[in-house]
Amino acid sequence: MASATVDDVHDVLNVSSADVPDAKVLKMLKRAEVTLELELSKEIDYQNCTDAEKEFITVLAAIHAICYLTGGSAVGLNFSVGDQNVSALSKAPPLDVLQSELERILANLKQPSIRSV
């Protein structure tokens, strides 16, 4: 099983704990976990999840971190980031790339899977 971590979120955005404090990122990971639980109608633990769930939670938490850095807002899967230019995000991937990745992962997670017992 995989675990979404604070370092994973920082790595996605190429920022440090000085830019987005660990305590804030932990809250973002928990919010992302709850969002995924609501989307999939099942219990998920971001510290013990599948690789795909980890990736979704990490990317969604990263989007929340971008909103934190720019003064934007994020609720569930809806995001708003103004035209502010924040130097901490100079190496971060564009928001639309992260959102596309998030939607792709969620679509795959929602597909029914056939498993043998």
N, C-alpha and C. Protein backbone atom coordinates (compact mmCIF):
# COMPACT_ATOMS: atom_id res chain seq x y z
N MET A 1 0.84 -1.19 0.00
CA MET A 1 0.00 0.00 0.00
C MET A 1 0.89 1.25 0.00
N ALA A 2 0.30 2.34 -0.46
CA ALA A 2 1.04 3.60 -0.60
C ALA A 2 0.58 4.59 0.46
N SER A 3 1.34 5.67 0.58
CA SER A 3 1.03 6.72 1.54
C SER A 3 1.32 8.07 0.92
N ALA A 4 0.33 8.97 0.93
CA ALA A 4 0.53 10.34 0.45
C ALA A 4 1.18 11.13 1.59
N THR A 5 2.26 11.82 1.28
CA THR A 5 3.01 12.52 2.32
C THR A 5 3.15 14.00 2.02
N VAL A 6 3.54 14.73 3.03
CA VAL A 6 3.81 16.16 2.91
C VAL A 6 4.91 16.36 1.85
N ASP A 7 5.94 15.54 1.90
CA ASP A 7 7.04 15.67 0.94
C ASP A 7 6.55 15.45 -0.49
N ASP A 8 5.60 14.54 -0.69
CA ASP A 8 5.05 14.31 -2.03
C ASP A 8 4.42 15.60 -2.58
N VAL A 9 3.66 16.27 -1.74
CA VAL A 9 2.99 17.51 -2.16
C VAL A 9 4.03 18.58 -2.46
N HIS A 10 5.01 18.73 -1.57
CA HIS A 10 6.08 19.70 -1.82
C HIS A 10 6.82 19.39 -3.12
N ASP A 11 7.07 18.11 -3.38
CA ASP A 11 7.79 17.71 -4.60
C ASP A 11 7.01 18.05 -5.86
N VAL A 12 5.69 17.85 -5.85
CA VAL A 12 4.87 18.15 -7.02
C VAL A 12 5.02 19.62 -7.41
N LEU A 13 5.10 20.48 -6.42
CA LEU A 13 5.13 21.92 -6.67
C LEU A 13 6.54 22.51 -6.65
N ASN A 14 7.52 21.71 -6.29
CA ASN A 14 8.89 22.21 -6.13
C ASN A 14 8.96 23.36 -5.14
N VAL A 15 8.28 23.18 -4.00
CA VAL A 15 8.32 24.16 -2.91
C VAL A 15 8.80 23.45 -1.65
N SER A 16 9.05 24.23 -0.62
CA SER A 16 9.54 23.66 0.64
C SER A 16 8.56 23.91 1.76
N SER A 17 8.90 23.40 2.93
CA SER A 17 8.08 23.63 4.12
C SER A 17 8.03 25.10 4.49
N ALA A 18 9.05 25.84 4.09
CA ALA A 18 9.05 27.28 4.35
C ALA A 18 7.97 27.99 3.53
N ASP A 19 7.68 27.45 2.34
CA ASP A 19 6.66 28.04 1.48
C ASP A 19 5.25 27.64 1.92
N VAL A 20 5.07 26.35 2.17
CA VAL A 20 3.79 25.82 2.64
C VAL A 20 4.09 24.93 3.85
N PRO A 21 3.75 25.39 5.05
CA PRO A 21 4.09 24.65 6.26
C PRO A 21 3.50 23.23 6.27
N ASP A 22 4.24 22.31 6.86
CA ASP A 22 3.82 20.91 6.93
C ASP A 22 2.43 20.75 7.53
N ALA A 23 2.13 21.51 8.58
CA ALA A 23 0.82 21.40 9.23
C ALA A 23 -0.30 21.75 8.25
N LYS A 24 -0.07 22.75 7.40
CA LYS A 24 -1.07 23.13 6.38
C LYS A 24 -1.23 22.00 5.36
N VAL A 25 -0.10 21.42 4.92
CA VAL A 25 -0.16 20.36 3.92
C VAL A 25 -0.88 19.14 4.48
N LEU A 26 -0.66 18.82 5.76
CA LEU A 26 -1.37 17.69 6.38
C LEU A 26 -2.88 17.90 6.33
N LYS A 27 -3.32 19.13 6.59
CA LYS A 27 -4.75 19.44 6.49
C LYS A 27 -5.25 19.29 5.05
N MET A 28 -4.42 19.70 4.10
CA MET A 28 -4.78 19.58 2.69
C MET A 28 -4.88 18.12 2.27
N LEU A 29 -3.97 17.28 2.78
CA LEU A 29 -4.03 15.85 2.50
C LEU A 29 -5.32 15.25 3.04
N LYS A 30 -5.71 15.64 4.24
CA LYS A 30 -6.94 15.13 4.84
C LYS A 30 -8.16 15.59 4.04
N ARG A 31 -8.16 16.86 3.61
CA ARG A 31 -9.28 17.36 2.80
C ARG A 31 -9.37 16.61 1.48
N ALA A 32 -8.22 16.35 0.87
CA ALA A 32 -8.19 15.61 -0.39
C ALA A 32 -8.70 14.18 -0.18
N GLU A 33 -8.32 13.58 0.94
CA GLU A 33 -8.80 12.23 1.29
C GLU A 33 -10.32 12.22 1.38
N VAL A 34 -10.89 13.19 2.08
CA VAL A 34 -12.34 13.26 2.25
C VAL A 34 -13.02 13.48 0.90
N THR A 35 -12.45 14.34 0.06
CA THR A 35 -13.03 14.57 -1.26
C THR A 35 -13.07 13.28 -2.06
N LEU A 36 -11.98 12.52 -2.04
CA LEU A 36 -11.94 11.26 -2.77
C LEU A 36 -12.93 10.25 -2.18
N GLU A 37 -13.05 10.22 -0.87
CA GLU A 37 -14.04 9.34 -0.23
C GLU A 37 -15.44 9.66 -0.73
N LEU A 38 -15.77 10.93 -0.82
CA LEU A 38 -17.09 11.35 -1.29
C LEU A 38 -17.29 11.00 -2.76
N GLU A 39 -16.25 11.17 -3.56
CA GLU A 39 -16.34 10.85 -4.99
C GLU A 39 -16.53 9.36 -5.23
N LEU A 40 -15.86 8.53 -4.43
CA LEU A 40 -15.89 7.08 -4.64
C LEU A 40 -16.86 6.35 -3.73
N SER A 41 -17.43 7.06 -2.76
CA SER A 41 -18.35 6.46 -1.78
C SER A 41 -17.71 5.28 -1.06
N LYS A 42 -16.48 5.48 -0.62
CA LYS A 42 -15.80 4.44 0.17
C LYS A 42 -14.77 5.09 1.08
N GLU A 43 -14.43 4.39 2.15
CA GLU A 43 -13.44 4.88 3.11
C GLU A 43 -12.04 4.77 2.51
N ILE A 44 -11.25 5.81 2.71
CA ILE A 44 -9.87 5.83 2.22
C ILE A 44 -9.00 6.42 3.32
N ASP A 45 -7.80 5.89 3.45
CA ASP A 45 -6.82 6.42 4.39
C ASP A 45 -5.62 6.88 3.58
N TYR A 46 -5.35 8.18 3.57
CA TYR A 46 -4.25 8.69 2.75
C TYR A 46 -2.89 8.13 3.17
N GLN A 47 -2.80 7.57 4.37
CA GLN A 47 -1.55 6.98 4.84
C GLN A 47 -1.44 5.50 4.51
N ASN A 48 -2.51 4.93 3.96
CA ASN A 48 -2.53 3.51 3.60
C ASN A 48 -3.55 3.32 2.49
N CYS A 49 -3.13 3.61 1.26
CA CYS A 49 -4.07 3.58 0.13
C CYS A 49 -3.39 2.99 -1.10
N THR A 50 -4.15 2.87 -2.17
CA THR A 50 -3.57 2.36 -3.42
C THR A 50 -2.69 3.45 -4.05
N ASP A 51 -1.89 3.06 -5.02
CA ASP A 51 -1.04 4.03 -5.71
C ASP A 51 -1.88 5.10 -6.41
N ALA A 52 -2.97 4.69 -7.05
CA ALA A 52 -3.83 5.65 -7.75
C ALA A 52 -4.49 6.62 -6.76
N GLU A 53 -4.96 6.10 -5.62
CA GLU A 53 -5.56 6.97 -4.60
C GLU A 53 -4.51 7.95 -4.06
N LYS A 54 -3.31 7.45 -3.83
CA LYS A 54 -2.22 8.32 -3.36
C LYS A 54 -1.97 9.45 -4.34
N GLU A 55 -1.92 9.11 -5.62
CA GLU A 55 -1.65 10.12 -6.65
C GLU A 55 -2.76 11.16 -6.68
N PHE A 56 -4.01 10.73 -6.62
CA PHE A 56 -5.13 11.67 -6.61
C PHE A 56 -5.03 12.60 -5.40
N ILE A 57 -4.84 12.02 -4.23
CA ILE A 57 -4.78 12.81 -2.99
C ILE A 57 -3.61 13.79 -3.05
N THR A 58 -2.47 13.35 -3.54
CA THR A 58 -1.29 14.21 -3.63
C THR A 58 -1.53 15.37 -4.59
N VAL A 59 -2.08 15.09 -5.77
CA VAL A 59 -2.32 16.14 -6.76
C VAL A 59 -3.38 17.12 -6.25
N LEU A 60 -4.45 16.62 -5.64
CA LEU A 60 -5.47 17.52 -5.11
C LEU A 60 -4.90 18.38 -3.98
N ALA A 61 -4.12 17.80 -3.11
CA ALA A 61 -3.47 18.58 -2.04
C ALA A 61 -2.53 19.62 -2.64
N ALA A 62 -1.84 19.28 -3.72
CA ALA A 62 -0.95 20.24 -4.39
C ALA A 62 -1.75 21.42 -4.96
N ILE A 63 -2.92 21.13 -5.52
CA ILE A 63 -3.77 22.21 -6.03
C ILE A 63 -4.21 23.10 -4.87
N HIS A 64 -4.56 22.51 -3.76
CA HIS A 64 -4.92 23.29 -2.58
C HIS A 64 -3.74 24.14 -2.13
N ALA A 65 -2.52 23.59 -2.23
CA ALA A 65 -1.32 24.34 -1.84
C ALA A 65 -1.10 25.53 -2.78
N ILE A 66 -1.36 25.34 -4.08
CA ILE A 66 -1.27 26.47 -5.01
C ILE A 66 -2.25 27.56 -4.61
N CYS A 67 -3.45 27.16 -4.27
CA CYS A 67 -4.45 28.14 -3.83
C CYS A 67 -3.98 28.86 -2.57
N TYR A 68 -3.38 28.12 -1.66
CA TYR A 68 -2.84 28.71 -0.43
C TYR A 68 -1.76 29.74 -0.76
N LEU A 69 -0.86 29.39 -1.67
CA LEU A 69 0.26 30.28 -2.01
C LEU A 69 -0.18 31.53 -2.75
N THR A 70 -1.25 31.42 -3.54
CA THR A 70 -1.67 32.55 -4.37
C THR A 70 -2.83 33.34 -3.78
N GLY A 71 -3.38 32.84 -2.68
CA GLY A 71 -4.55 33.52 -2.11
C GLY A 71 -5.83 33.12 -2.80
N GLY A 72 -5.78 32.07 -3.62
CA GLY A 72 -6.98 31.57 -4.28
C GLY A 72 -7.81 30.75 -3.32
N SER A 73 -8.77 30.01 -3.87
CA SER A 73 -9.60 29.18 -3.00
C SER A 73 -9.84 27.83 -3.66
N ALA A 74 -10.10 26.84 -2.83
CA ALA A 74 -10.38 25.50 -3.32
C ALA A 74 -11.43 24.87 -2.44
N VAL A 75 -12.48 24.34 -3.08
CA VAL A 75 -13.52 23.62 -2.38
C VAL A 75 -13.82 22.38 -3.20
N GLY A 76 -13.60 21.22 -2.61
CA GLY A 76 -13.83 19.98 -3.35
C GLY A 76 -12.97 19.93 -4.59
N LEU A 77 -13.61 19.85 -5.75
CA LEU A 77 -12.88 19.81 -7.02
C LEU A 77 -12.95 21.13 -7.77
N ASN A 78 -13.42 22.21 -7.12
CA ASN A 78 -13.51 23.52 -7.74
C ASN A 78 -12.40 24.42 -7.21
N PHE A 79 -11.70 25.11 -8.14
CA PHE A 79 -10.55 25.91 -7.76
C PHE A 79 -10.65 27.30 -8.35
N SER A 80 -10.14 28.27 -7.64
CA SER A 80 -10.09 29.63 -8.13
C SER A 80 -8.74 30.22 -7.73
N VAL A 81 -7.95 30.62 -8.72
CA VAL A 81 -6.65 31.25 -8.46
C VAL A 81 -6.58 32.51 -9.30
N GLY A 82 -6.29 33.63 -8.65
CA GLY A 82 -6.23 34.91 -9.37
C GLY A 82 -5.01 35.00 -10.26
N ASP A 83 -4.77 36.18 -10.80
CA ASP A 83 -3.66 36.40 -11.71
C ASP A 83 -2.37 36.77 -10.98
N GLN A 84 -2.28 36.43 -9.73
CA GLN A 84 -1.09 36.78 -8.96
C GLN A 84 0.10 35.93 -9.40
N ASN A 85 1.28 36.53 -9.37
CA ASN A 85 2.50 35.81 -9.70
C ASN A 85 3.30 35.62 -8.42
N VAL A 86 3.37 34.41 -7.96
CA VAL A 86 4.06 34.11 -6.70
C VAL A 86 5.37 33.41 -7.04
N SER A 87 6.48 33.93 -6.56
CA SER A 87 7.78 33.38 -6.92
C SER A 87 7.96 31.95 -6.46
N ALA A 88 7.33 31.57 -5.38
CA ALA A 88 7.45 30.20 -4.88
C ALA A 88 6.91 29.19 -5.89
N LEU A 89 6.06 29.63 -6.78
CA LEU A 89 5.45 28.74 -7.76
C LEU A 89 6.13 28.78 -9.13
N SER A 90 7.26 29.43 -9.23
CA SER A 90 7.91 29.57 -10.53
C SER A 90 8.26 28.23 -11.16
N LYS A 91 8.50 27.21 -10.36
CA LYS A 91 8.84 25.89 -10.89
C LYS A 91 7.68 24.91 -10.83
N ALA A 92 6.55 25.34 -10.32
CA ALA A 92 5.38 24.46 -10.18
C ALA A 92 4.73 24.23 -11.53
N PRO A 93 4.13 23.05 -11.72
CA PRO A 93 3.41 22.81 -12.97
C PRO A 93 2.17 23.70 -13.05
N PRO A 94 1.71 24.02 -14.26
CA PRO A 94 0.52 24.85 -14.40
C PRO A 94 -0.70 24.18 -13.76
N LEU A 95 -1.58 25.00 -13.23
CA LEU A 95 -2.77 24.51 -12.54
C LEU A 95 -3.63 23.65 -13.46
N ASP A 96 -3.77 24.03 -14.72
CA ASP A 96 -4.62 23.26 -15.62
C ASP A 96 -4.04 21.87 -15.88
N VAL A 97 -2.72 21.73 -15.86
CA VAL A 97 -2.09 20.41 -16.01
C VAL A 97 -2.43 19.54 -14.81
N LEU A 98 -2.32 20.11 -13.61
CA LEU A 98 -2.66 19.35 -12.40
C LEU A 98 -4.13 18.97 -12.39
N GLN A 99 -4.99 19.90 -12.80
CA GLN A 99 -6.43 19.60 -12.80
C GLN A 99 -6.76 18.50 -13.81
N SER A 100 -6.13 18.52 -14.97
CA SER A 100 -6.35 17.47 -15.98
C SER A 100 -5.90 16.12 -15.44
N GLU A 101 -4.75 16.11 -14.78
CA GLU A 101 -4.25 14.87 -14.18
C GLU A 101 -5.22 14.35 -13.12
N LEU A 102 -5.73 15.25 -12.32
CA LEU A 102 -6.68 14.89 -11.27
C LEU A 102 -7.94 14.27 -11.87
N GLU A 103 -8.47 14.87 -12.91
CA GLU A 103 -9.68 14.35 -13.56
C GLU A 103 -9.43 12.99 -14.19
N ARG A 104 -8.26 12.80 -14.80
CA ARG A 104 -7.91 11.51 -15.41
C ARG A 104 -7.82 10.41 -14.37
N ILE A 105 -7.16 10.71 -13.24
CA ILE A 105 -7.04 9.72 -12.17
C ILE A 105 -8.40 9.37 -11.61
N LEU A 106 -9.23 10.37 -11.37
CA LEU A 106 -10.56 10.13 -10.80
C LEU A 106 -11.41 9.29 -11.75
N ALA A 107 -11.33 9.56 -13.03
CA ALA A 107 -12.11 8.77 -14.00
C ALA A 107 -11.68 7.31 -13.95
N ASN A 108 -10.39 7.05 -13.83
CA ASN A 108 -9.91 5.67 -13.74
C ASN A 108 -10.31 5.01 -12.42
N LEU A 109 -10.30 5.78 -11.35
CA LEU A 109 -10.69 5.23 -10.05
C LEU A 109 -12.18 4.88 -10.01
N LYS A 110 -12.98 5.61 -10.77
CA LYS A 110 -14.43 5.38 -10.76
C LYS A 110 -14.85 4.23 -11.67
N GLN A 111 -13.97 3.78 -12.55
CA GLN A 111 -14.31 2.67 -13.44
C GLN A 111 -14.43 1.40 -12.63
N PRO A 112 -15.48 0.64 -12.89
CA PRO A 112 -15.62 -0.63 -12.17
C PRO A 112 -14.49 -1.58 -12.55
N SER A 113 -14.04 -2.33 -11.57
CA SER A 113 -12.98 -3.28 -11.86
C SER A 113 -13.47 -4.68 -11.53
N ILE A 114 -12.99 -5.64 -12.28
CA ILE A 114 -13.34 -7.03 -12.05
C ILE A 114 -12.18 -7.67 -11.33
N ARG A 115 -12.47 -8.21 -10.18
CA ARG A 115 -11.42 -8.85 -9.38
C ARG A 115 -11.79 -10.28 -9.10
N SER A 116 -10.80 -11.13 -9.09
CA SER A 116 -11.08 -12.53 -8.74
C SER A 116 -10.90 -12.74 -7.25
N VAL A 117 -11.66 -13.64 -6.72
CA VAL A 117 -11.58 -13.94 -5.29
C VAL A 117 -10.98 -15.28 -5.04
